[in-house]
Amino acid sequence: MVATNIDVDALTEMADKIMRVNDSHVAAISSSESNENRFEQELAVINKKFEQLTAELRNNRQRQRSRSRSTGRRRTTSTSLPSSPGANDICYYHRRFGNCARNCAPCTFRQPEN
């Protein structure tokens, strides 16, 4: 024993002080563990949100690609061409290309006279 002339009351008082100091360290360790658990939970939530955002971004890019592929040149239909009497007797090629038609099925198209 280091101290030889200390009475019992002083020893108990010293033991109480030592226990109080030790208890505060134990409490600090447990709160540190709870902070670590909370940090891990928050990190897991952030990772999950990141994965969701990544998936949404991937889906948006795929949608944009599919839309950009379908925005090609569209055909004009015969309804946009001027209608004239007897237009039903004229083949598709003459309705579409007029005098420049090359694949005419026999039809009643007449070239305009100059």
PDB file of N, CA and C in Angstrom:
ATOM      1  N   MET A   1       0.836  -1.165   0.000  1.00  0.00           N
ATOM      2  CA  MET A   1       0.000   0.000   0.000  1.00  0.00           C
ATOM      3  C   MET A   1       0.885   1.233   0.000  1.00  0.00           C
ATOM      4  N   VAL A   2       0.502   2.252  -0.792  1.00  0.00           N
ATOM      5  CA  VAL A   2       1.304   3.458  -0.921  1.00  0.00           C
ATOM      6  C   VAL A   2       1.100   4.378   0.266  1.00  0.00           C
ATOM      7  N   ALA A   3      -0.139   4.606   0.626  1.00  0.00           N
ATOM      8  CA  ALA A   3      -0.417   5.485   1.771  1.00  0.00           C
ATOM      9  C   ALA A   3      -0.599   4.625   3.014  1.00  0.00           C
ATOM     10  N   THR A   4       0.181   4.911   4.073  1.00  0.00           N
ATOM     11  CA  THR A   4       0.132   4.078   5.273  1.00  0.00           C
ATOM     12  C   THR A   4      -0.675   4.692   6.399  1.00  0.00           C
ATOM     13  N   ASN A   5      -0.781   5.995   6.477  1.00  0.00           N
ATOM     14  CA  ASN A   5      -1.453   6.650   7.595  1.00  0.00           C
ATOM     15  C   ASN A   5      -2.810   7.217   7.211  1.00  0.00           C
ATOM     16  N   ILE A   6      -3.571   6.561   6.354  1.00  0.00           N
ATOM     17  CA  ILE A   6      -4.877   7.074   5.930  1.00  0.00           C
ATOM     18  C   ILE A   6      -5.939   6.240   6.606  1.00  0.00           C
ATOM     19  N   ASP A   7      -6.962   6.904   7.110  1.00  0.00           N
ATOM     20  CA  ASP A   7      -8.037   6.165   7.782  1.00  0.00           C
ATOM     21  C   ASP A   7      -9.014   5.565   6.761  1.00  0.00           C
ATOM     22  N   VAL A   8      -9.904   4.781   7.234  1.00  0.00           N
ATOM     23  CA  VAL A   8     -10.844   4.047   6.394  1.00  0.00           C
ATOM     24  C   VAL A   8     -11.759   5.007   5.646  1.00  0.00           C
ATOM     25  N   ASP A   9     -12.215   6.048   6.292  1.00  0.00           N
ATOM     26  CA  ASP A   9     -13.109   7.013   5.624  1.00  0.00           C
ATOM     27  C   ASP A   9     -12.422   7.674   4.429  1.00  0.00           C
ATOM     28  N   ALA A  10     -11.160   8.009   4.610  1.00  0.00           N
ATOM     29  CA  ALA A  10     -10.420   8.628   3.507  1.00  0.00           C
ATOM     30  C   ALA A  10     -10.246   7.638   2.371  1.00  0.00           C
ATOM     31  N   LEU A  11     -10.009   6.359   2.689  1.00  0.00           N
ATOM     32  CA  LEU A  11      -9.869   5.341   1.646  1.00  0.00           C
ATOM     33  C   LEU A  11     -11.177   5.146   0.876  1.00  0.00           C
ATOM     34  N   THR A  12     -12.287   5.139   1.574  1.00  0.00           N
ATOM     35  CA  THR A  12     -13.574   4.966   0.888  1.00  0.00           C
ATOM     36  C   THR A  12     -13.873   6.168   0.004  1.00  0.00           C
ATOM     37  N   GLU A  13     -13.523   7.340   0.497  1.00  0.00           N
ATOM     38  CA  GLU A  13     -13.725   8.542  -0.301  1.00  0.00           C
ATOM     39  C   GLU A  13     -12.884   8.486  -1.585  1.00  0.00           C
ATOM     40  N   MET A  14     -11.637   8.033  -1.438  1.00  0.00           N
ATOM     41  CA  MET A  14     -10.754   7.908  -2.592  1.00  0.00           C
ATOM     42  C   MET A  14     -11.288   6.848  -3.558  1.00  0.00           C
ATOM     43  N   ALA A  15     -11.797   5.751  -3.071  1.00  0.00           N
ATOM     44  CA  ALA A  15     -12.355   4.692  -3.918  1.00  0.00           C
ATOM     45  C   ALA A  15     -13.575   5.204  -4.682  1.00  0.00           C
ATOM     46  N   ASP A  16     -14.402   6.006  -4.022  1.00  0.00           N
ATOM     47  CA  ASP A  16     -15.575   6.576  -4.696  1.00  0.00           C
ATOM     48  C   ASP A  16     -15.154   7.480  -5.857  1.00  0.00           C
ATOM     49  N   LYS A  17     -14.112   8.289  -5.614  1.00  0.00           N
ATOM     50  CA  LYS A  17     -13.632   9.180  -6.671  1.00  0.00           C
ATOM     51  C   LYS A  17     -13.096   8.379  -7.854  1.00  0.00           C
ATOM     52  N   ILE A  18     -12.364   7.315  -7.558  1.00  0.00           N
ATOM     53  CA  ILE A  18     -11.827   6.468  -8.631  1.00  0.00           C
ATOM     54  C   ILE A  18     -12.957   5.843  -9.433  1.00  0.00           C
ATOM     55  N   MET A  19     -13.988   5.387  -8.750  1.00  0.00           N
ATOM     56  CA  MET A  19     -15.125   4.766  -9.441  1.00  0.00           C
ATOM     57  C   MET A  19     -15.862   5.779 -10.316  1.00  0.00           C
ATOM     58  N   ARG A  20     -15.997   7.008  -9.841  1.00  0.00           N
ATOM     59  CA  ARG A  20     -16.665   8.038 -10.639  1.00  0.00           C
ATOM     60  C   ARG A  20     -15.875   8.323 -11.919  1.00  0.00           C
ATOM     61  N   VAL A  21     -14.572   8.364 -11.808  1.00  0.00           N
ATOM     62  CA  VAL A  21     -13.732   8.603 -12.983  1.00  0.00           C
ATOM     63  C   VAL A  21     -13.869   7.438 -13.963  1.00  0.00           C
ATOM     64  N   ASN A  22     -13.855   6.224 -13.476  1.00  0.00           N
ATOM     65  CA  ASN A  22     -13.993   5.046 -14.348  1.00  0.00           C
ATOM     66  C   ASN A  22     -15.367   4.981 -15.001  1.00  0.00           C
ATOM     67  N   ASP A  23     -16.417   5.335 -14.265  1.00  0.00           N
ATOM     68  CA  ASP A  23     -17.772   5.310 -14.825  1.00  0.00           C
ATOM     69  C   ASP A  23     -17.904   6.282 -15.989  1.00  0.00           C
ATOM     70  N   SER A  24     -17.299   7.436 -15.890  1.00  0.00           N
ATOM     71  CA  SER A  24     -17.416   8.409 -16.985  1.00  0.00           C
ATOM     72  C   SER A  24     -16.717   7.904 -18.244  1.00  0.00           C
ATOM     73  N   HIS A  25     -15.617   7.175 -18.101  1.00  0.00           N
ATOM     74  CA  HIS A  25     -14.944   6.611 -19.277  1.00  0.00           C
ATOM     75  C   HIS A  25     -15.796   5.523 -19.918  1.00  0.00           C
ATOM     76  N   VAL A  26     -16.428   4.723 -19.122  1.00  0.00           N
ATOM     77  CA  VAL A  26     -17.288   3.678 -19.662  1.00  0.00           C
ATOM     78  C   VAL A  26     -18.455   4.310 -20.406  1.00  0.00           C
ATOM     79  N   ALA A  27     -19.032   5.360 -19.868  1.00  0.00           N
ATOM     80  CA  ALA A  27     -20.140   6.038 -20.531  1.00  0.00           C
ATOM     81  C   ALA A  27     -19.684   6.639 -21.851  1.00  0.00           C
ATOM     82  N   ALA A  28     -18.488   7.186 -21.893  1.00  0.00           N
ATOM     83  CA  ALA A  28     -17.978   7.777 -23.122  1.00  0.00           C
ATOM     84  C   ALA A  28     -17.798   6.712 -24.189  1.00  0.00           C
ATOM     85  N   ILE A  29     -17.371   5.524 -23.809  1.00  0.00           N
ATOM     86  CA  ILE A  29     -17.182   4.446 -24.769  1.00  0.00           C
ATOM     87  C   ILE A  29     -18.532   4.009 -25.331  1.00  0.00           C
ATOM     88  N   SER A  30     -19.541   3.883 -24.470  1.00  0.00           N
ATOM     89  CA  SER A  30     -20.831   3.430 -24.956  1.00  0.00           C
ATOM     90  C   SER A  30     -21.467   4.481 -25.859  1.00  0.00           C
ATOM     91  N   SER A  31     -21.317   5.753 -25.555  1.00  0.00           N
ATOM     92  CA  SER A  31     -21.890   6.771 -26.429  1.00  0.00           C
ATOM     93  C   SER A  31     -21.130   6.811 -27.752  1.00  0.00           C
ATOM     94  N   SER A  32     -19.843   6.520 -27.729  1.00  0.00           N
ATOM     95  CA  SER A  32     -19.066   6.470 -28.961  1.00  0.00           C
ATOM     96  C   SER A  32     -19.566   5.333 -29.845  1.00  0.00           C
ATOM     97  N   GLU A  33     -19.901   4.199 -29.241  1.00  0.00           N
ATOM     98  CA  GLU A  33     -20.432   3.078 -30.008  1.00  0.00           C
ATOM     99  C   GLU A  33     -21.785   3.425 -30.610  1.00  0.00           C
ATOM    100  N   SER A  34     -22.629   4.129 -29.852  1.00  0.00           N
ATOM    101  CA  SER A  34     -23.935   4.501 -30.398  1.00  0.00           C
ATOM    102  C   SER A  34     -23.772   5.510 -31.531  1.00  0.00           C
ATOM    103  N   ASN A  35     -22.783   6.407 -31.412  1.00  0.00           N
ATOM    104  CA  ASN A  35     -22.507   7.339 -32.512  1.00  0.00           C
ATOM    105  C   ASN A  35     -22.036   6.586 -33.747  1.00  0.00           C
ATOM    106  N   GLU A  36     -21.236   5.560 -33.538  1.00  0.00           N
ATOM    107  CA  GLU A  36     -20.754   4.761 -34.666  1.00  0.00           C
ATOM    108  C   GLU A  36     -21.905   4.023 -35.330  1.00  0.00           C
ATOM    109  N   ASN A  37     -22.815   3.470 -34.532  1.00  0.00           N
ATOM    110  CA  ASN A  37     -23.977   2.779 -35.101  1.00  0.00           C
ATOM    111  C   ASN A  37     -24.852   3.746 -35.885  1.00  0.00           C
ATOM    112  N   ARG A  38     -25.056   4.935 -35.354  1.00  0.00           N
ATOM    113  CA  ARG A  38     -25.869   5.944 -36.032  1.00  0.00           C
ATOM    114  C   ARG A  38     -25.200   6.351 -37.352  1.00  0.00           C
ATOM    115  N   PHE A  39     -23.881   6.498 -37.306  1.00  0.00           N
ATOM    116  CA  PHE A  39     -23.132   6.843 -38.520  1.00  0.00           C
ATOM    117  C   PHE A  39     -23.287   5.757 -39.583  1.00  0.00           C
ATOM    118  N   GLU A  40     -23.191   4.503 -39.178  1.00  0.00           N
ATOM    119  CA  GLU A  40     -23.339   3.393 -40.125  1.00  0.00           C
ATOM    120  C   GLU A  40     -24.742   3.365 -40.722  1.00  0.00           C
ATOM    121  N   GLN A  41     -25.744   3.655 -39.901  1.00  0.00           N
ATOM    122  CA  GLN A  41     -27.119   3.679 -40.408  1.00  0.00           C
ATOM    123  C   GLN A  41     -27.316   4.814 -41.413  1.00  0.00           C
ATOM    124  N   GLU A  42     -26.791   5.982 -41.087  1.00  0.00           N
ATOM    125  CA  GLU A  42     -26.906   7.112 -42.005  1.00  0.00           C
ATOM    126  C   GLU A  42     -26.160   6.840 -43.311  1.00  0.00           C
ATOM    127  N   LEU A  43     -25.013   6.207 -43.205  1.00  0.00           N
ATOM    128  CA  LEU A  43     -24.244   5.855 -44.392  1.00  0.00           C
ATOM    129  C   LEU A  43     -25.016   4.864 -45.259  1.00  0.00           C
ATOM    130  N   ALA A  44     -25.682   3.915 -44.629  1.00  0.00           N
ATOM    131  CA  ALA A  44     -26.486   2.944 -45.377  1.00  0.00           C
ATOM    132  C   ALA A  44     -27.629   3.646 -46.109  1.00  0.00           C
ATOM    133  N   VAL A  45     -28.266   4.625 -45.469  1.00  0.00           N
ATOM    134  CA  VAL A  45     -29.352   5.376 -46.105  1.00  0.00           C
ATOM    135  C   VAL A  45     -28.822   6.168 -47.299  1.00  0.00           C
ATOM    136  N   ILE A  46     -27.668   6.796 -47.113  1.00  0.00           N
ATOM    137  CA  ILE A  46     -27.067   7.573 -48.203  1.00  0.00           C
ATOM    138  C   ILE A  46     -26.715   6.658 -49.377  1.00  0.00           C
ATOM    139  N   ASN A  47     -26.153   5.491 -49.099  1.00  0.00           N
ATOM    140  CA  ASN A  47     -25.822   4.537 -50.167  1.00  0.00           C
ATOM    141  C   ASN A  47     -27.068   4.099 -50.929  1.00  0.00           C
ATOM    142  N   LYS A  48     -28.154   3.861 -50.206  1.00  0.00           N
ATOM    143  CA  LYS A  48     -29.396   3.432 -50.842  1.00  0.00           C
ATOM    144  C   LYS A  48     -29.939   4.535 -51.752  1.00  0.00           C
ATOM    145  N   LYS A  49     -29.916   5.777 -51.276  1.00  0.00           N
ATOM    146  CA  LYS A  49     -30.386   6.894 -52.097  1.00  0.00           C
ATOM    147  C   LYS A  49     -29.498   7.071 -53.326  1.00  0.00           C
ATOM    148  N   PHE A  50     -28.203   6.890 -53.159  1.00  0.00           N
ATOM    149  CA  PHE A  50     -27.274   6.999 -54.283  1.00  0.00           C
ATOM    150  C   PHE A  50     -27.587   5.950 -55.338  1.00  0.00           C
ATOM    151  N   GLU A  51     -27.852   4.727 -54.909  1.00  0.00           N
ATOM    152  CA  GLU A  51     -28.190   3.661 -55.853  1.00  0.00           C
ATOM    153  C   GLU A  51     -29.490   3.972 -56.586  1.00  0.00           C
ATOM    154  N   GLN A  52     -30.484   4.538 -55.872  1.00  0.00           N
ATOM    155  CA  GLN A  52     -31.742   4.897 -56.510  1.00  0.00           C
ATOM    156  C   GLN A  52     -31.539   5.981 -57.556  1.00  0.00           C
ATOM    157  N   LEU A  53     -30.750   6.992 -57.212  1.00  0.00           N
ATOM    158  CA  LEU A  53     -30.479   8.069 -58.162  1.00  0.00           C
ATOM    159  C   LEU A  53     -29.726   7.559 -59.388  1.00  0.00           C
ATOM    160  N   THR A  54     -28.791   6.650 -59.164  1.00  0.00           N
ATOM    161  CA  THR A  54     -28.044   6.072 -60.276  1.00  0.00           C
ATOM    162  C   THR A  54     -28.984   5.305 -61.207  1.00  0.00           C
ATOM    163  N   ALA A  55     -29.898   4.543 -60.621  1.00  0.00           N
ATOM    164  CA  ALA A  55     -30.858   3.784 -61.437  1.00  0.00           C
ATOM    165  C   ALA A  55     -31.779   4.726 -62.212  1.00  0.00           C
ATOM    166  N   GLU A  56     -32.245   5.807 -61.579  1.00  0.00           N
ATOM    167  CA  GLU A  56     -33.100   6.773 -62.270  1.00  0.00           C
ATOM    168  C   GLU A  56     -32.357   7.429 -63.423  1.00  0.00           C
ATOM    169  N   LEU A  57     -31.110   7.774 -63.200  1.00  0.00           N
ATOM    170  CA  LEU A  57     -30.307   8.395 -64.251  1.00  0.00           C
ATOM    171  C   LEU A  57     -30.128   7.434 -65.422  1.00  0.00           C
ATOM    172  N   ARG A  58     -29.874   6.174 -65.128  1.00  0.00           N
ATOM    173  CA  ARG A  58     -29.717   5.165 -66.171  1.00  0.00           C
ATOM    174  C   ARG A  58     -31.016   5.032 -66.973  1.00  0.00           C
ATOM    175  N   ASN A  59     -32.164   5.017 -66.285  1.00  0.00           N
ATOM    176  CA  ASN A  59     -33.456   4.902 -66.968  1.00  0.00           C
ATOM    177  C   ASN A  59     -33.722   6.120 -67.844  1.00  0.00           C
ATOM    178  N   ASN A  60     -33.391   7.307 -67.345  1.00  0.00           N
ATOM    179  CA  ASN A  60     -33.603   8.522 -68.139  1.00  0.00           C
ATOM    180  C   ASN A  60     -32.748   8.519 -69.396  1.00  0.00           C
ATOM    181  N   ARG A  61     -31.527   8.050 -69.294  1.00  0.00           N
ATOM    182  CA  ARG A  61     -30.658   7.991 -70.470  1.00  0.00           C
ATOM    183  C   ARG A  61     -31.206   7.020 -71.497  1.00  0.00           C
ATOM    184  N   GLN A  62     -31.735   5.879 -71.030  1.00  0.00           N
ATOM    185  CA  GLN A  62     -32.301   4.900 -71.960  1.00  0.00           C
ATOM    186  C   GLN A  62     -33.536   5.475 -72.648  1.00  0.00           C
ATOM    187  N   ARG A  63     -34.357   6.224 -71.909  1.00  0.00           N
ATOM    188  CA  ARG A  63     -35.545   6.840 -72.507  1.00  0.00           C
ATOM    189  C   ARG A  63     -35.134   7.858 -73.564  1.00  0.00           C
ATOM    190  N   GLN A  64     -34.122   8.648 -73.265  1.00  0.00           N
ATOM    191  CA  GLN A  64     -33.668   9.651 -74.223  1.00  0.00           C
ATOM    192  C   GLN A  64     -33.138   8.989 -75.491  1.00  0.00           C
ATOM    193  N   ARG A  65     -32.415   7.892 -75.346  1.00  0.00           N
ATOM    194  CA  ARG A  65     -31.898   7.194 -76.525  1.00  0.00           C
ATOM    195  C   ARG A  65     -33.027   6.652 -77.376  1.00  0.00           C
ATOM    196  N   SER A  66     -34.039   6.062 -76.732  1.00  0.00           N
ATOM    197  CA  SER A  66     -35.129   5.477 -77.504  1.00  0.00           C
ATOM    198  C   SER A  66     -35.930   6.568 -78.201  1.00  0.00           C
ATOM    199  N   ARG A  67     -36.085   7.737 -77.578  1.00  0.00           N
ATOM    200  CA  ARG A  67     -36.792   8.830 -78.226  1.00  0.00           C
ATOM    201  C   ARG A  67     -35.980   9.398 -79.376  1.00  0.00           C
ATOM    202  N   SER A  68     -34.673   9.512 -79.207  1.00  0.00           N
ATOM    203  CA  SER A  68     -33.851  10.105 -80.252  1.00  0.00           C
ATOM    204  C   SER A  68     -33.787   9.202 -81.479  1.00  0.00           C
ATOM    205  N   ARG A  69     -33.922   7.919 -81.308  1.00  0.00           N
ATOM    206  CA  ARG A  69     -33.918   7.009 -82.451  1.00  0.00           C
ATOM    207  C   ARG A  69     -35.188   7.159 -83.279  1.00  0.00           C
ATOM    208  N   SER A  70     -36.300   7.477 -82.633  1.00  0.00           N
ATOM    209  CA  SER A  70     -37.572   7.525 -83.345  1.00  0.00           C
ATOM    210  C   SER A  70     -37.849   8.892 -83.960  1.00  0.00           C
ATOM    211  N   THR A  71     -36.941   9.833 -83.818  1.00  0.00           N
ATOM    212  CA  THR A  71     -37.193  11.166 -84.357  1.00  0.00           C
ATOM    213  C   THR A  71     -36.595  11.325 -85.751  1.00  0.00           C
ATOM    214  N   GLY A  72     -36.606  10.259 -86.518  1.00  0.00           N
ATOM    215  CA  GLY A  72     -36.078  10.323 -87.880  1.00  0.00           C
ATOM    216  C   GLY A  72     -37.036  11.046 -88.805  1.00  0.00           C
ATOM    217  N   ARG A  73     -36.676  11.089 -90.058  1.00  0.00           N
ATOM    218  CA  ARG A  73     -37.497  11.759 -91.065  1.00  0.00           C
ATOM    219  C   ARG A  73     -38.758  10.950 -91.295  1.00  0.00           C
ATOM    220  N   ARG A  74     -39.870  11.632 -91.260  1.00  0.00           N
ATOM    221  CA  ARG A  74     -41.145  10.949 -91.443  1.00  0.00           C
ATOM    222  C   ARG A  74     -41.603  11.084 -92.892  1.00  0.00           C
ATOM    223  N   ARG A  75     -42.323  10.083 -93.330  1.00  0.00           N
ATOM    224  CA  ARG A  75     -42.856  10.106 -94.681  1.00  0.00           C
ATOM    225  C   ARG A  75     -44.033  11.068 -94.764  1.00  0.00           C
ATOM    226  N   THR A  76     -44.161  11.676 -95.903  1.00  0.00           N
ATOM    227  CA  THR A  76     -45.358  12.481 -96.123  1.00  0.00           C
ATOM    228  C   THR A  76     -46.405  11.566 -96.730  1.00  0.00           C
ATOM    229  N   THR A  77     -47.612  11.793 -96.361  1.00  0.00           N
ATOM    230  CA  THR A  77     -48.686  10.941 -96.872  1.00  0.00           C
ATOM    231  C   THR A  77     -49.355  11.619 -98.053  1.00  0.00           C
ATOM    232  N   SER A  78     -50.137  10.860 -98.744  1.00  0.00           N
ATOM    233  CA  SER A  78     -50.798  11.391 -99.929  1.00  0.00           C
ATOM    234  C   SER A  78     -51.845  12.432 -99.552  1.00  0.00           C
ATOM    235  N   THR A  79     -52.277  12.478 -98.296  1.00  0.00           N
ATOM    236  CA  THR A  79     -53.273  13.470 -97.902  1.00  0.00           C
ATOM    237  C   THR A  79     -52.694  14.875 -97.924  1.00  0.00           C
ATOM    238  N   SER A  80     -51.342  14.987 -97.840  1.00  0.00           N
ATOM    239  CA  SER A  80     -50.744  16.310 -97.857  1.00  0.00           C
ATOM    240  C   SER A  80     -50.578  16.840 -99.286  1.00  0.00           C
ATOM    241  N   LEU A  81     -50.747  15.953-100.275  1.00  0.00           N
ATOM    242  CA  LEU A  81     -50.628  16.389-101.661  1.00  0.00           C
ATOM    243  C   LEU A  81     -51.949  17.002-102.112  1.00  0.00           C
ATOM    244  N   PRO A  82     -51.898  17.944-103.023  1.00  0.00           N
ATOM    245  CA  PRO A  82     -53.156  18.565-103.468  1.00  0.00           C
ATOM    246  C   PRO A  82     -54.032  17.532-104.168  1.00  0.00           C
ATOM    247  N   SER A  83     -55.277  17.557-103.825  1.00  0.00           N
ATOM    248  CA  SER A  83     -56.187  16.601-104.452  1.00  0.00           C
ATOM    249  C   SER A  83     -56.783  17.237-105.695  1.00  0.00           C
ATOM    250  N   SER A  84     -56.974  16.434-106.676  1.00  0.00           N
ATOM    251  CA  SER A  84     -57.562  16.901-107.929  1.00  0.00           C
ATOM    252  C   SER A  84     -58.595  15.881-108.364  1.00  0.00           C
ATOM    253  N   PRO A  85     -59.489  16.265-109.252  1.00  0.00           N
ATOM    254  CA  PRO A  85     -60.483  15.290-109.710  1.00  0.00           C
ATOM    255  C   PRO A  85     -59.799  14.106-110.376  1.00  0.00           C
ATOM    256  N   GLY A  86     -60.236  12.936-110.069  1.00  0.00           N
ATOM    257  CA  GLY A  86     -59.667  11.729-110.637  1.00  0.00           C
ATOM    258  C   GLY A  86     -58.353  11.331-110.004  1.00  0.00           C
ATOM    259  N   ALA A  87     -58.010  11.869-108.820  1.00  0.00           N
ATOM    260  CA  ALA A  87     -56.743  11.562-108.166  1.00  0.00           C
ATOM    261  C   ALA A  87     -56.674  10.104-107.746  1.00  0.00           C
ATOM    262  N   ASN A  88     -57.810   9.462-107.567  1.00  0.00           N
ATOM    263  CA  ASN A  88     -57.808   8.057-107.179  1.00  0.00           C
ATOM    264  C   ASN A  88     -57.336   7.169-108.319  1.00  0.00           C
ATOM    265  N   ASP A  89     -57.390   7.659-109.556  1.00  0.00           N
ATOM    266  CA  ASP A  89     -56.964   6.878-110.706  1.00  0.00           C
ATOM    267  C   ASP A  89     -55.460   6.981-110.933  1.00  0.00           C
ATOM    268  N   ILE A  90     -54.793   7.859-110.193  1.00  0.00           N
ATOM    269  CA  ILE A  90     -53.361   8.064-110.367  1.00  0.00           C
ATOM    270  C   ILE A  90     -52.625   7.177-109.363  1.00  0.00           C
ATOM    271  N   CYS A  91     -51.548   6.563-109.786  1.00  0.00           N
ATOM    272  CA  CYS A  91     -50.797   5.650-108.913  1.00  0.00           C
ATOM    273  C   CYS A  91     -50.042   6.428-107.824  1.00  0.00           C
ATOM    274  N   TYR A  92     -49.594   5.705-106.864  1.00  0.00           N
ATOM    275  CA  TYR A  92     -48.859   6.291-105.734  1.00  0.00           C
ATOM    276  C   TYR A  92     -47.633   7.072-106.215  1.00  0.00           C
ATOM    277  N   TYR A  93     -46.906   6.516-107.138  1.00  0.00           N
ATOM    278  CA  TYR A  93     -45.656   7.129-107.584  1.00  0.00           C
ATOM    279  C   TYR A  93     -45.901   8.479-108.265  1.00  0.00           C
ATOM    280  N   HIS A  94     -46.944   8.558-109.059  1.00  0.00           N
ATOM    281  CA  HIS A  94     -47.246   9.842-109.696  1.00  0.00           C
ATOM    282  C   HIS A  94     -47.818  10.836-108.689  1.00  0.00           C
ATOM    283  N   ARG A  95     -48.592  10.351-107.742  1.00  0.00           N
ATOM    284  CA  ARG A  95     -49.077  11.269-106.700  1.00  0.00           C
ATOM    285  C   ARG A  95     -47.907  11.804-105.894  1.00  0.00           C
ATOM    286  N   ARG A  96     -46.945  10.962-105.632  1.00  0.00           N
ATOM    287  CA  ARG A  96     -45.816  11.342-104.783  1.00  0.00           C
ATOM    288  C   ARG A  96     -44.761  12.145-105.538  1.00  0.00           C
ATOM    289  N   PHE A  97     -44.401  11.685-106.754  1.00  0.00           N
ATOM    290  CA  PHE A  97     -43.260  12.275-107.461  1.00  0.00           C
ATOM    291  C   PHE A  97     -43.645  13.067-108.716  1.00  0.00           C
ATOM    292  N   GLY A  98     -44.895  13.010-109.086  1.00  0.00           N
ATOM    293  CA  GLY A  98     -45.334  13.774-110.257  1.00  0.00           C
ATOM    294  C   GLY A  98     -44.645  13.311-111.522  1.00  0.00           C
ATOM    295  N   ASN A  99     -44.100  14.261-112.306  1.00  0.00           N
ATOM    296  CA  ASN A  99     -43.445  13.945-113.579  1.00  0.00           C
ATOM    297  C   ASN A  99     -42.196  13.092-113.398  1.00  0.00           C
ATOM    298  N   CYS A 100     -41.616  13.085-112.229  1.00  0.00           N
ATOM    299  CA  CYS A 100     -40.366  12.358-111.991  1.00  0.00           C
ATOM    300  C   CYS A 100     -40.596  10.900-111.596  1.00  0.00           C
ATOM    301  N   ALA A 101     -41.823  10.432-111.601  1.00  0.00           N
ATOM    302  CA  ALA A 101     -42.117   9.059-111.190  1.00  0.00           C
ATOM    303  C   ALA A 101     -41.479   8.075-112.144  1.00  0.00           C
ATOM    304  N   ARG A 102     -40.883   7.005-111.607  1.00  0.00           N
ATOM    305  CA  ARG A 102     -40.212   6.006-112.450  1.00  0.00           C
ATOM    306  C   ARG A 102     -40.850   4.626-112.345  1.00  0.00           C
ATOM    307  N   ASN A 103     -41.535   4.342-111.274  1.00  0.00           N
ATOM    308  CA  ASN A 103     -42.090   2.998-111.062  1.00  0.00           C
ATOM    309  C   ASN A 103     -43.610   3.022-111.182  1.00  0.00           C
ATOM    310  N   CYS A 104     -44.105   3.554-112.240  1.00  0.00           N
ATOM    311  CA  CYS A 104     -45.549   3.720-112.388  1.00  0.00           C
ATOM    312  C   CYS A 104     -46.220   2.396-112.731  1.00  0.00           C
ATOM    313  N   ALA A 105     -47.234   2.120-111.973  1.00  0.00           N
ATOM    314  CA  ALA A 105     -48.143   1.067-112.385  1.00  0.00           C
ATOM    315  C   ALA A 105     -49.078   1.764-113.372  1.00  0.00           C
ATOM    316  N   PRO A 106     -49.611   1.088-114.294  1.00  0.00           N
ATOM    317  CA  PRO A 106     -50.453   1.807-115.284  1.00  0.00           C
ATOM    318  C   PRO A 106     -51.537   2.628-114.560  1.00  0.00           C
ATOM    319  N   CYS A 107     -51.497   3.923-114.866  1.00  0.00           N
ATOM    320  CA  CYS A 107     -52.483   4.835-114.247  1.00  0.00           C
ATOM    321  C   CYS A 107     -52.875   5.894-115.261  1.00  0.00           C
ATOM    322  N   THR A 108     -53.708   6.815-114.859  1.00  0.00           N
ATOM    323  CA  THR A 108     -54.233   7.837-115.782  1.00  0.00           C
ATOM    324  C   THR A 108     -53.521   9.175-115.644  1.00  0.00           C
ATOM    325  N   PHE A 109     -52.290   9.156-115.141  1.00  0.00           N
ATOM    326  CA  PHE A 109     -51.536  10.400-114.974  1.00  0.00           C
ATOM    327  C   PHE A 109     -51.206  10.991-116.333  1.00  0.00           C
ATOM    328  N   ARG A 110     -51.371  12.307-116.450  1.00  0.00           N
ATOM    329  CA  ARG A 110     -51.037  13.009-117.691  1.00  0.00           C
ATOM    330  C   ARG A 110     -50.023  14.083-117.372  1.00  0.00           C
ATOM    331  N   GLN A 111     -48.999  14.129-118.157  1.00  0.00           N
ATOM    332  CA  GLN A 111     -47.980  15.155-117.949  1.00  0.00           C
ATOM    333  C   GLN A 111     -48.553  16.488-118.408  1.00  0.00           C
ATOM    334  N   PRO A 112     -48.276  17.544-117.609  1.00  0.00           N
ATOM    335  CA  PRO A 112     -48.772  18.855-118.033  1.00  0.00           C
ATOM    336  C   PRO A 112     -48.075  19.296-119.310  1.00  0.00           C
ATOM    337  N   GLU A 113     -48.842  19.946-120.144  1.00  0.00           N
ATOM    338  CA  GLU A 113     -48.292  20.432-121.434  1.00  0.00           C
ATOM    339  C   GLU A 113     -47.693  21.795-121.226  1.00  0.00           C
ATOM    340  N   ASN A 114     -46.538  22.041-121.859  1.00  0.00           N
ATOM    341  CA  ASN A 114     -45.873  23.333-121.733  1.00  0.00           C
ATOM    342  C   ASN A 114     -46.267  24.253-122.843  1.00  0.00           C
TER     343      ASN A 114
END
